Amino acid sequence: MSTTTIPDRFTTLPDEHALQTTVVALEEHGFSVEVVGDLDAAPGGAGPHSSGVAPQDAGVASATLNVGQQLGASIGTSLLNSIFAAAVTSYLAAHLASARLIGRQAPTGQALVHGYTTAFWWTAGIFAGGAVICGALVRSGPLAQPGTPSPARGAAPAQAEAGPGVPS
C-alpha cells in the first residue's frame, strides 16, 4: 500500500494580506469579486466562524452556519418579493382609475419602479437595523481564552508576574 503526500501549497490557506491584495487587483481590472469561501473546511479548523468551537464540533458548527445563511437568504428573498408585489399592486390600484379617466394605459413601468424603490428602502432599513444590533453586541477589549479564568478588574494576577512553574 502506498501513501500519497499532498504538497503544502494545496493544504495551506493564503494569508489575509495576500487574499486582500488579490481581490483589490481583480477589482481594479473591472472584475466583481465576492469572497465567500468556506474557510471552516481548512486544516485544523482555521476558519473564522469556528473560533471558540472544539475541533470535533467544527463540522457541526460549519453546517449550522451554512443552514442559517441559506434560510436567511431564502426568507429574505421571499419577504422582499412580497413587499415588492404589494407595493406594485397598491400603486396600480391607486393610479389605474386616473389613467383610465384620461385615456392612458396603466402605468406599469412607474408601478415597477415604485415597487423596486419600496423594496430597496426596506432593504436599507433592515441593514441599518442589523448594523445597530451588531454595534450593540460588539464587546470592547480582548476576548478571554476558553478555560482561562478572567482576573478581577484592576487586580493583577500574581502567578503571571512570577512566571509559570516558579513558586511565588
C-alpha atoms as a PDB file:
ATOM      1  CA  MET A   1       0.000   0.000   0.000  1.00  0.00           C
ATOM      2  CA  SER A   2       1.452   3.357  -0.962  1.00  0.00           C
ATOM      3  CA  THR A   3       0.690   6.684   0.628  1.00  0.00           C
ATOM      4  CA  THR A   4       0.325   9.942  -1.199  1.00  0.00           C
ATOM      5  CA  THR A   5       1.573  13.169   0.321  1.00  0.00           C
ATOM      6  CA  ILE A   6      -0.272  16.330  -0.592  1.00  0.00           C
ATOM      7  CA  PRO A   7       2.096  19.283  -1.069  1.00  0.00           C
ATOM      8  CA  ASP A   8       1.716  22.139   1.423  1.00  0.00           C
ATOM      9  CA  ARG A   9       0.752  24.608  -1.309  1.00  0.00           C
ATOM     10  CA  PHE A  10      -2.559  22.739  -1.668  1.00  0.00           C
ATOM     11  CA  THR A  11      -3.370  22.443   2.028  1.00  0.00           C
ATOM     12  CA  THR A  12      -2.383  25.831   3.417  1.00  0.00           C
ATOM     13  CA  LEU A  13      -4.570  28.883   3.217  1.00  0.00           C
ATOM     14  CA  PRO A  14      -3.312  32.185   1.810  1.00  0.00           C
ATOM     15  CA  ASP A  15      -2.752  34.812   4.428  1.00  0.00           C
ATOM     16  CA  GLU A  16      -5.269  37.619   4.727  1.00  0.00           C
ATOM     17  CA  HIS A  17      -2.986  40.248   3.157  1.00  0.00           C
ATOM     18  CA  ALA A  18      -2.377  38.115   0.049  1.00  0.00           C
ATOM     19  CA  LEU A  19      -6.099  37.475  -0.340  1.00  0.00           C
ATOM     20  CA  GLN A  20      -6.937  41.155   0.094  1.00  0.00           C
ATOM     21  CA  THR A  21      -4.235  42.180  -2.402  1.00  0.00           C
ATOM     22  CA  THR A  22      -5.612  39.710  -4.956  1.00  0.00           C
ATOM     23  CA  VAL A  23      -9.183  40.950  -4.503  1.00  0.00           C
ATOM     24  CA  VAL A  24      -8.125  44.605  -4.893  1.00  0.00           C
ATOM     25  CA  ALA A  25      -6.085  43.798  -8.020  1.00  0.00           C
ATOM     26  CA  LEU A  26      -9.004  41.973  -9.627  1.00  0.00           C
ATOM     27  CA  GLU A  27     -11.437  44.767  -8.771  1.00  0.00           C
ATOM     28  CA  GLU A  28      -9.068  47.366 -10.274  1.00  0.00           C
ATOM     29  CA  HIS A  29      -9.263  45.474 -13.564  1.00  0.00           C
ATOM     30  CA  GLY A  30     -13.053  45.561 -13.619  1.00  0.00           C
ATOM     31  CA  PHE A  31     -13.831  42.178 -12.076  1.00  0.00           C
ATOM     32  CA  SER A  32     -16.507  41.894  -9.429  1.00  0.00           C
ATOM     33  CA  VAL A  33     -15.053  39.767  -6.646  1.00  0.00           C
ATOM     34  CA  GLU A  34     -17.051  38.196  -3.854  1.00  0.00           C
ATOM     35  CA  VAL A  35     -15.070  36.275  -1.276  1.00  0.00           C
ATOM     36  CA  VAL A  36     -17.426  33.750   0.257  1.00  0.00           C
ATOM     37  CA  GLY A  37     -15.068  30.801   0.674  1.00  0.00           C
ATOM     38  CA  ASP A  38     -15.750  28.172   3.283  1.00  0.00           C
ATOM     39  CA  LEU A  39     -12.670  28.642   5.403  1.00  0.00           C
ATOM     40  CA  ASP A  40     -14.176  26.327   8.026  1.00  0.00           C
ATOM     41  CA  ALA A  41     -13.046  23.408   5.893  1.00  0.00           C
ATOM     42  CA  ALA A  42      -9.444  24.488   6.365  1.00  0.00           C
ATOM     43  CA  PRO A  43      -6.993  22.114   8.028  1.00  0.00           C
ATOM     44  CA  GLY A  44      -7.064  22.415  11.792  1.00  0.00           C
ATOM     45  CA  GLY A  45     -10.370  24.311  11.847  1.00  0.00           C
ATOM     46  CA  ALA A  46      -8.675  27.571  10.860  1.00  0.00           C
ATOM     47  CA  GLY A  47     -11.903  29.169   9.680  1.00  0.00           C
ATOM     48  CA  PRO A  48     -13.120  32.448  11.133  1.00  0.00           C
ATOM     49  CA  HIS A  49     -16.526  31.025  12.017  1.00  0.00           C
ATOM     50  CA  SER A  50     -15.182  28.145  14.096  1.00  0.00           C
ATOM     51  CA  SER A  51     -13.361  30.202  16.718  1.00  0.00           C
ATOM     52  CA  GLY A  52     -14.292  29.009  20.174  1.00  0.00           C
ATOM     53  CA  VAL A  53     -15.591  25.685  18.845  1.00  0.00           C
ATOM     54  CA  ALA A  54     -13.937  22.426  19.805  1.00  0.00           C
ATOM     55  CA  PRO A  55     -12.195  20.750  16.828  1.00  0.00           C
ATOM     56  CA  GLN A  56     -14.523  17.734  16.999  1.00  0.00           C
ATOM     57  CA  ASP A  57     -17.531  20.084  16.707  1.00  0.00           C
ATOM     58  CA  ALA A  58     -16.188  22.207  13.829  1.00  0.00           C
ATOM     59  CA  GLY A  59     -18.225  20.306  11.213  1.00  0.00           C
ATOM     60  CA  VAL A  60     -21.471  20.770  13.122  1.00  0.00           C
ATOM     61  CA  ALA A  61     -20.705  24.462  13.677  1.00  0.00           C
ATOM     62  CA  SER A  62     -19.960  24.961   9.986  1.00  0.00           C
ATOM     63  CA  ALA A  63     -23.138  23.131   8.939  1.00  0.00           C
ATOM     64  CA  THR A  64     -25.217  25.201  11.364  1.00  0.00           C
ATOM     65  CA  LEU A  65     -23.721  28.401   9.965  1.00  0.00           C
ATOM     66  CA  ASN A  66     -24.416  27.333   6.375  1.00  0.00           C
ATOM     67  CA  VAL A  67     -28.019  26.356   7.159  1.00  0.00           C
ATOM     68  CA  GLY A  68     -28.567  29.714   8.856  1.00  0.00           C
ATOM     69  CA  GLN A  69     -27.185  31.564   5.850  1.00  0.00           C
ATOM     70  CA  GLN A  70     -29.325  29.583   3.396  1.00  0.00           C
ATOM     71  CA  LEU A  71     -32.505  30.033   5.449  1.00  0.00           C
ATOM     72  CA  GLY A  72     -31.814  33.744   5.901  1.00  0.00           C
ATOM     73  CA  ALA A  73     -31.283  34.204   2.180  1.00  0.00           C
ATOM     74  CA  SER A  74     -34.452  32.353   1.193  1.00  0.00           C
ATOM     75  CA  ILE A  75     -36.657  34.036   3.805  1.00  0.00           C
ATOM     76  CA  GLY A  76     -35.181  37.442   2.983  1.00  0.00           C
ATOM     77  CA  THR A  77     -35.780  36.971  -0.731  1.00  0.00           C
ATOM     78  CA  SER A  78     -39.378  35.891  -0.229  1.00  0.00           C
ATOM     79  CA  LEU A  79     -40.029  38.768   2.192  1.00  0.00           C
ATOM     80  CA  LEU A  80     -38.646  41.371  -0.229  1.00  0.00           C
ATOM     81  CA  ASN A  81     -40.590  39.783  -3.092  1.00  0.00           C
ATOM     82  CA  SER A  82     -43.794  40.117  -1.062  1.00  0.00           C
ATOM     83  CA  ILE A  83     -43.006  43.755  -0.249  1.00  0.00           C
ATOM     84  CA  PHE A  84     -42.305  44.435  -3.939  1.00  0.00           C
ATOM     85  CA  ALA A  85     -45.538  42.782  -5.102  1.00  0.00           C
ATOM     86  CA  ALA A  86     -47.626  44.635  -2.505  1.00  0.00           C
ATOM     87  CA  ALA A  87     -46.087  47.992  -3.495  1.00  0.00           C
ATOM     88  CA  VAL A  88     -46.718  47.393  -7.214  1.00  0.00           C
ATOM     89  CA  THR A  89     -50.303  46.311  -6.553  1.00  0.00           C
ATOM     90  CA  SER A  90     -51.082  49.283  -4.334  1.00  0.00           C
ATOM     91  CA  TYR A  91     -49.536  51.714  -6.844  1.00  0.00           C
ATOM     92  CA  LEU A  92     -51.570  50.263  -9.705  1.00  0.00           C
ATOM     93  CA  ALA A  93     -54.760  50.291  -7.638  1.00  0.00           C
ATOM     94  CA  ALA A  94     -54.209  53.927  -6.681  1.00  0.00           C
ATOM     95  CA  HIS A  95     -53.339  55.175 -10.191  1.00  0.00           C
ATOM     96  CA  LEU A  96     -55.335  52.935 -12.519  1.00  0.00           C
ATOM     97  CA  ALA A  97     -58.597  54.880 -12.264  1.00  0.00           C
ATOM     98  CA  SER A  98     -56.973  58.213 -13.087  1.00  0.00           C
ATOM     99  CA  ALA A  99     -55.105  56.655 -16.039  1.00  0.00           C
ATOM    100  CA  ARG A 100     -58.329  55.260 -17.475  1.00  0.00           C
ATOM    101  CA  LEU A 101     -60.093  58.568 -16.913  1.00  0.00           C
ATOM    102  CA  ILE A 102     -57.661  60.431 -19.173  1.00  0.00           C
ATOM    103  CA  GLY A 103     -57.474  57.562 -21.678  1.00  0.00           C
ATOM    104  CA  ARG A 104     -53.969  56.251 -20.969  1.00  0.00           C
ATOM    105  CA  GLN A 105     -52.695  52.775 -20.328  1.00  0.00           C
ATOM    106  CA  ALA A 106     -51.951  51.541 -16.839  1.00  0.00           C
ATOM    107  CA  PRO A 107     -48.680  52.995 -15.531  1.00  0.00           C
ATOM    108  CA  THR A 108     -46.972  49.604 -15.184  1.00  0.00           C
ATOM    109  CA  GLY A 109     -43.453  50.972 -15.630  1.00  0.00           C
ATOM    110  CA  GLN A 110     -43.963  53.520 -12.880  1.00  0.00           C
ATOM    111  CA  ALA A 111     -45.541  50.841 -10.692  1.00  0.00           C
ATOM    112  CA  LEU A 112     -42.485  48.607 -11.121  1.00  0.00           C
ATOM    113  CA  VAL A 113     -40.140  51.463 -10.257  1.00  0.00           C
ATOM    114  CA  HIS A 114     -42.256  52.192  -7.181  1.00  0.00           C
ATOM    115  CA  GLY A 115     -42.101  48.503  -6.176  1.00  0.00           C
ATOM    116  CA  TYR A 116     -38.315  48.314  -6.566  1.00  0.00           C
ATOM    117  CA  THR A 117     -37.837  51.593  -4.699  1.00  0.00           C
ATOM    118  CA  THR A 118     -40.015  50.402  -1.832  1.00  0.00           C
ATOM    119  CA  ALA A 119     -38.178  47.051  -1.625  1.00  0.00           C
ATOM    120  CA  PHE A 120     -34.780  48.771  -1.707  1.00  0.00           C
ATOM    121  CA  TRP A 121     -35.777  51.174   1.094  1.00  0.00           C
ATOM    122  CA  TRP A 122     -36.970  48.230   3.188  1.00  0.00           C
ATOM    123  CA  THR A 123     -33.631  46.518   2.496  1.00  0.00           C
ATOM    124  CA  ALA A 124     -31.746  49.620   3.614  1.00  0.00           C
ATOM    125  CA  GLY A 125     -33.824  49.739   6.801  1.00  0.00           C
ATOM    126  CA  ILE A 126     -33.153  46.066   7.518  1.00  0.00           C
ATOM    127  CA  PHE A 127     -29.412  46.593   7.007  1.00  0.00           C
ATOM    128  CA  ALA A 128     -29.437  49.677   9.237  1.00  0.00           C
ATOM    129  CA  GLY A 129     -31.285  47.749  11.950  1.00  0.00           C
ATOM    130  CA  GLY A 130     -28.773  44.906  11.646  1.00  0.00           C
ATOM    131  CA  ALA A 131     -25.899  47.362  11.931  1.00  0.00           C
ATOM    132  CA  VAL A 132     -27.363  48.830  15.113  1.00  0.00           C
ATOM    133  CA  ILE A 133     -27.833  45.353  16.603  1.00  0.00           C
ATOM    134  CA  CYS A 134     -24.291  44.315  15.652  1.00  0.00           C
ATOM    135  CA  GLY A 135     -22.885  47.525  17.088  1.00  0.00           C
ATOM    136  CA  ALA A 136     -24.708  46.871  20.354  1.00  0.00           C
ATOM    137  CA  LEU A 137     -23.302  43.340  20.532  1.00  0.00           C
ATOM    138  CA  VAL A 138     -19.644  44.283  19.984  1.00  0.00           C
ATOM    139  CA  ARG A 139     -17.525  43.777  23.083  1.00  0.00           C
ATOM    140  CA  SER A 140     -14.606  46.026  23.861  1.00  0.00           C
ATOM    141  CA  GLY A 141     -11.208  44.621  24.783  1.00  0.00           C
ATOM    142  CA  PRO A 142      -9.667  41.249  24.095  1.00  0.00           C
ATOM    143  CA  LEU A 143     -11.677  38.083  24.470  1.00  0.00           C
ATOM    144  CA  ALA A 144     -10.660  35.669  27.230  1.00  0.00           C
ATOM    145  CA  GLN A 145      -9.323  32.300  26.112  1.00  0.00           C
ATOM    146  CA  PRO A 146     -11.625  29.367  26.901  1.00  0.00           C
ATOM    147  CA  GLY A 147     -10.737  27.727  30.206  1.00  0.00           C
ATOM    148  CA  THR A 148      -8.745  30.730  31.433  1.00  0.00           C
ATOM    149  CA  PRO A 149     -10.230  32.489  34.461  1.00  0.00           C
ATOM    150  CA  SER A 150     -10.557  36.199  33.877  1.00  0.00           C
ATOM    151  CA  PRO A 151      -8.858  38.370  36.521  1.00  0.00           C
ATOM    152  CA  ALA A 152     -10.878  40.835  38.552  1.00  0.00           C
ATOM    153  CA  ARG A 153     -10.867  44.351  37.156  1.00  0.00           C
ATOM    154  CA  GLY A 154      -7.883  46.323  38.374  1.00  0.00           C
ATOM    155  CA  ALA A 155      -6.215  43.328  40.032  1.00  0.00           C
ATOM    156  CA  ALA A 156      -3.001  41.999  38.518  1.00  0.00           C
ATOM    157  CA  PRO A 157      -2.630  38.213  38.605  1.00  0.00           C
ATOM    158  CA  ALA A 158       0.197  37.179  40.951  1.00  0.00           C
ATOM    159  CA  GLN A 159       1.005  33.992  39.005  1.00  0.00           C
ATOM    160  CA  ALA A 160       1.679  35.914  35.794  1.00  0.00           C
ATOM    161  CA  GLU A 161       4.288  38.128  37.488  1.00  0.00           C
ATOM    162  CA  ALA A 162       6.233  35.204  38.970  1.00  0.00           C
ATOM    163  CA  GLY A 163       6.148  33.230  35.735  1.00  0.00           C
ATOM    164  CA  PRO A 164       4.765  29.772  35.062  1.00  0.00           C
ATOM    165  CA  GLY A 165       6.098  26.995  37.232  1.00  0.00           C
ATOM    166  CA  VAL A 166       8.005  29.362  39.542  1.00  0.00           C
ATOM    167  CA  PRO A 167       6.723  29.386  43.134  1.00  0.00           C
ATOM    168  CA  SER A 168       5.951  32.825  44.452  1.00  0.00           C
END
